[in-house]
Amino acid sequence: MFLFFAIAAVFGLSAIVMWLWNAVLPGLIPVHPIGYWQAMGLLVLCKILFGFRGSGGGRKFGGGHPIGEKYQGMNEEERQKFKEEWRQRCRIRSWKMDSKNDEKAE
């Protein structure tokens, strides 16, 4: 029974991909409309390239993100230190990116 629904879902999603592609993209960028089998191929290609994880991100059987779990176990002082460390990291990265952009502009 599951196999039937999985196959039906692939065919249904292919129709949705085809409809969305043909309704949106030709009006935005110069692409041709696609057919049903091309849409199914595109859907399969995306699954191959981007994975078969689904919406759970690979963590379907409980357990959150390791950093989130670590954060939950921290006391208030540790959380503040953690936040400040990440703010500092982001500032450094942002500053480096800004200085590189300034050099390119000159």
C-alpha atoms as a PDB file:
ATOM      1  CA  MET A   1       0.000   0.000   0.000  1.00  0.00           C
ATOM      2  CA  PHE A   2       2.873   2.381   0.853  1.00  0.00           C
ATOM      3  CA  LEU A   3       4.515   1.725  -2.504  1.00  0.00           C
ATOM      4  CA  PHE A   4       1.309   2.690  -4.300  1.00  0.00           C
ATOM      5  CA  PHE A   5       1.109   6.007  -2.435  1.00  0.00           C
ATOM      6  CA  ALA A   6       4.807   6.706  -3.030  1.00  0.00           C
ATOM      7  CA  ILE A   7       4.423   6.173  -6.777  1.00  0.00           C
ATOM      8  CA  ALA A   8       1.242   8.254  -6.836  1.00  0.00           C
ATOM      9  CA  ALA A   9       3.068  11.025  -4.954  1.00  0.00           C
ATOM     10  CA  VAL A  10       5.894  11.073  -7.523  1.00  0.00           C
ATOM     11  CA  PHE A  11       3.404  11.347 -10.387  1.00  0.00           C
ATOM     12  CA  GLY A  12       1.418  14.036  -8.570  1.00  0.00           C
ATOM     13  CA  LEU A  13       4.503  16.035  -7.665  1.00  0.00           C
ATOM     14  CA  SER A  14       5.711  15.807 -11.260  1.00  0.00           C
ATOM     15  CA  ALA A  15       2.467  17.384 -12.423  1.00  0.00           C
ATOM     16  CA  ILE A  16       2.864  20.172  -9.848  1.00  0.00           C
ATOM     17  CA  VAL A  17       6.490  20.809 -10.916  1.00  0.00           C
ATOM     18  CA  MET A  18       5.406  20.986 -14.556  1.00  0.00           C
ATOM     19  CA  TRP A  19       2.551  23.347 -13.775  1.00  0.00           C
ATOM     20  CA  LEU A  20       4.697  25.651 -11.625  1.00  0.00           C
ATOM     21  CA  TRP A  21       7.553  25.711 -14.140  1.00  0.00           C
ATOM     22  CA  ASN A  22       5.231  26.523 -17.034  1.00  0.00           C
ATOM     23  CA  ALA A  23       3.221  29.066 -15.048  1.00  0.00           C
ATOM     24  CA  VAL A  24       6.124  30.992 -13.530  1.00  0.00           C
ATOM     25  CA  LEU A  25       9.475  30.645 -15.267  1.00  0.00           C
ATOM     26  CA  PRO A  26       8.730  31.448 -18.936  1.00  0.00           C
ATOM     27  CA  GLY A  27       7.353  34.823 -17.837  1.00  0.00           C
ATOM     28  CA  LEU A  28      10.411  35.637 -15.709  1.00  0.00           C
ATOM     29  CA  ILE A  29      13.359  34.298 -17.664  1.00  0.00           C
ATOM     30  CA  PRO A  30      13.799  33.059 -21.237  1.00  0.00           C
ATOM     31  CA  VAL A  31      13.089  29.323 -20.796  1.00  0.00           C
ATOM     32  CA  HIS A  32      10.798  27.012 -22.708  1.00  0.00           C
ATOM     33  CA  PRO A  33       7.820  25.269 -21.145  1.00  0.00           C
ATOM     34  CA  ILE A  34       8.493  21.668 -20.132  1.00  0.00           C
ATOM     35  CA  GLY A  35       6.482  18.499 -20.533  1.00  0.00           C
ATOM     36  CA  TYR A  36       5.346  16.005 -17.923  1.00  0.00           C
ATOM     37  CA  TRP A  37       8.279  13.600 -18.296  1.00  0.00           C
ATOM     38  CA  GLN A  38      10.770  16.458 -18.215  1.00  0.00           C
ATOM     39  CA  ALA A  39       9.178  17.627 -14.977  1.00  0.00           C
ATOM     40  CA  MET A  40       9.491  14.128 -13.519  1.00  0.00           C
ATOM     41  CA  GLY A  41      13.149  14.032 -14.588  1.00  0.00           C
ATOM     42  CA  LEU A  42      13.718  17.416 -12.969  1.00  0.00           C
ATOM     43  CA  LEU A  43      12.081  16.217  -9.772  1.00  0.00           C
ATOM     44  CA  VAL A  44      14.240  13.071  -9.675  1.00  0.00           C
ATOM     45  CA  LEU A  45      17.375  15.097 -10.462  1.00  0.00           C
ATOM     46  CA  CYS A  46      16.637  17.478  -7.589  1.00  0.00           C
ATOM     47  CA  LYS A  47      16.158  14.559  -5.208  1.00  0.00           C
ATOM     48  CA  ILE A  48      19.474  13.074  -6.313  1.00  0.00           C
ATOM     49  CA  LEU A  49      21.350  16.367  -6.004  1.00  0.00           C
ATOM     50  CA  PHE A  50      19.763  17.668  -2.812  1.00  0.00           C
ATOM     51  CA  GLY A  51      19.045  14.398  -1.014  1.00  0.00           C
ATOM     52  CA  PHE A  52      16.193  12.260   0.127  1.00  0.00           C
ATOM     53  CA  ARG A  53      16.011  13.635   3.659  1.00  0.00           C
ATOM     54  CA  GLY A  54      12.547  15.153   3.579  1.00  0.00           C
ATOM     55  CA  SER A  55      11.469  18.002   5.814  1.00  0.00           C
ATOM     56  CA  GLY A  56      12.977  16.541   8.987  1.00  0.00           C
ATOM     57  CA  GLY A  57      16.514  17.189   7.849  1.00  0.00           C
ATOM     58  CA  GLY A  58      17.485  13.588   8.518  1.00  0.00           C
ATOM     59  CA  ARG A  59      16.464  13.657  12.184  1.00  0.00           C
ATOM     60  CA  LYS A  60      13.109  11.950  11.997  1.00  0.00           C
ATOM     61  CA  PHE A  61      13.345   9.897  15.179  1.00  0.00           C
ATOM     62  CA  GLY A  62      13.752  12.541  17.846  1.00  0.00           C
ATOM     63  CA  GLY A  63      16.722  14.612  18.740  1.00  0.00           C
ATOM     64  CA  GLY A  64      17.248  18.128  17.598  1.00  0.00           C
ATOM     65  CA  HIS A  65      20.271  19.905  16.300  1.00  0.00           C
ATOM     66  CA  PRO A  66      23.384  19.187  18.391  1.00  0.00           C
ATOM     67  CA  ILE A  67      24.059  22.893  19.003  1.00  0.00           C
ATOM     68  CA  GLY A  68      20.443  23.401  20.096  1.00  0.00           C
ATOM     69  CA  GLU A  69      20.725  20.500  22.516  1.00  0.00           C
ATOM     70  CA  LYS A  70      23.971  21.919  23.883  1.00  0.00           C
ATOM     71  CA  TYR A  71      22.350  25.359  24.264  1.00  0.00           C
ATOM     72  CA  GLN A  72      19.404  23.893  26.173  1.00  0.00           C
ATOM     73  CA  GLY A  73      21.776  22.355  28.715  1.00  0.00           C
ATOM     74  CA  MET A  74      23.583  25.639  29.448  1.00  0.00           C
ATOM     75  CA  ASN A  75      22.971  27.900  32.395  1.00  0.00           C
ATOM     76  CA  GLU A  76      22.337  31.632  31.835  1.00  0.00           C
ATOM     77  CA  GLU A  77      26.002  32.634  32.166  1.00  0.00           C
ATOM     78  CA  GLU A  78      27.118  29.993  29.654  1.00  0.00           C
ATOM     79  CA  ARG A  79      24.386  31.085  27.239  1.00  0.00           C
ATOM     80  CA  GLN A  80      25.552  34.717  27.361  1.00  0.00           C
ATOM     81  CA  LYS A  81      29.149  33.645  26.734  1.00  0.00           C
ATOM     82  CA  PHE A  82      27.998  31.425  23.835  1.00  0.00           C
ATOM     83  CA  LYS A  83      25.988  34.276  22.284  1.00  0.00           C
ATOM     84  CA  GLU A  84      28.864  36.727  22.602  1.00  0.00           C
ATOM     85  CA  GLU A  85      31.292  34.272  21.024  1.00  0.00           C
ATOM     86  CA  TRP A  86      28.997  33.828  17.993  1.00  0.00           C
ATOM     87  CA  ARG A  87      28.417  37.592  17.719  1.00  0.00           C
ATOM     88  CA  GLN A  88      32.180  38.058  17.633  1.00  0.00           C
ATOM     89  CA  ARG A  89      32.583  35.381  14.964  1.00  0.00           C
ATOM     90  CA  CYS A  90      29.904  36.974  12.800  1.00  0.00           C
ATOM     91  CA  ARG A  91      31.428  40.449  13.198  1.00  0.00           C
ATOM     92  CA  ILE A  92      34.828  39.189  12.108  1.00  0.00           C
ATOM     93  CA  ARG A  93      33.399  37.425   9.052  1.00  0.00           C
ATOM     94  CA  SER A  94      31.286  40.472   8.180  1.00  0.00           C
ATOM     95  CA  TRP A  95      34.270  42.788   8.610  1.00  0.00           C
ATOM     96  CA  LYS A  96      36.471  40.582   6.416  1.00  0.00           C
ATOM     97  CA  MET A  97      33.827  40.480   3.713  1.00  0.00           C
ATOM     98  CA  ASP A  98      33.372  44.271   3.855  1.00  0.00           C
ATOM     99  CA  SER A  99      37.116  44.894   3.592  1.00  0.00           C
ATOM    100  CA  LYS A 100      37.366  42.537   0.592  1.00  0.00           C
ATOM    101  CA  ASN A 101      34.509  44.377  -1.128  1.00  0.00           C
ATOM    102  CA  ASP A 102      36.212  47.730  -0.418  1.00  0.00           C
ATOM    103  CA  GLU A 103      39.454  46.460  -1.988  1.00  0.00           C
ATOM    104  CA  LYS A 104      37.607  45.321  -5.121  1.00  0.00           C
ATOM    105  CA  ALA A 105      35.903  48.711  -5.479  1.00  0.00           C
ATOM    106  CA  GLU A 106      39.244  50.534  -5.534  1.00  0.00           C
END
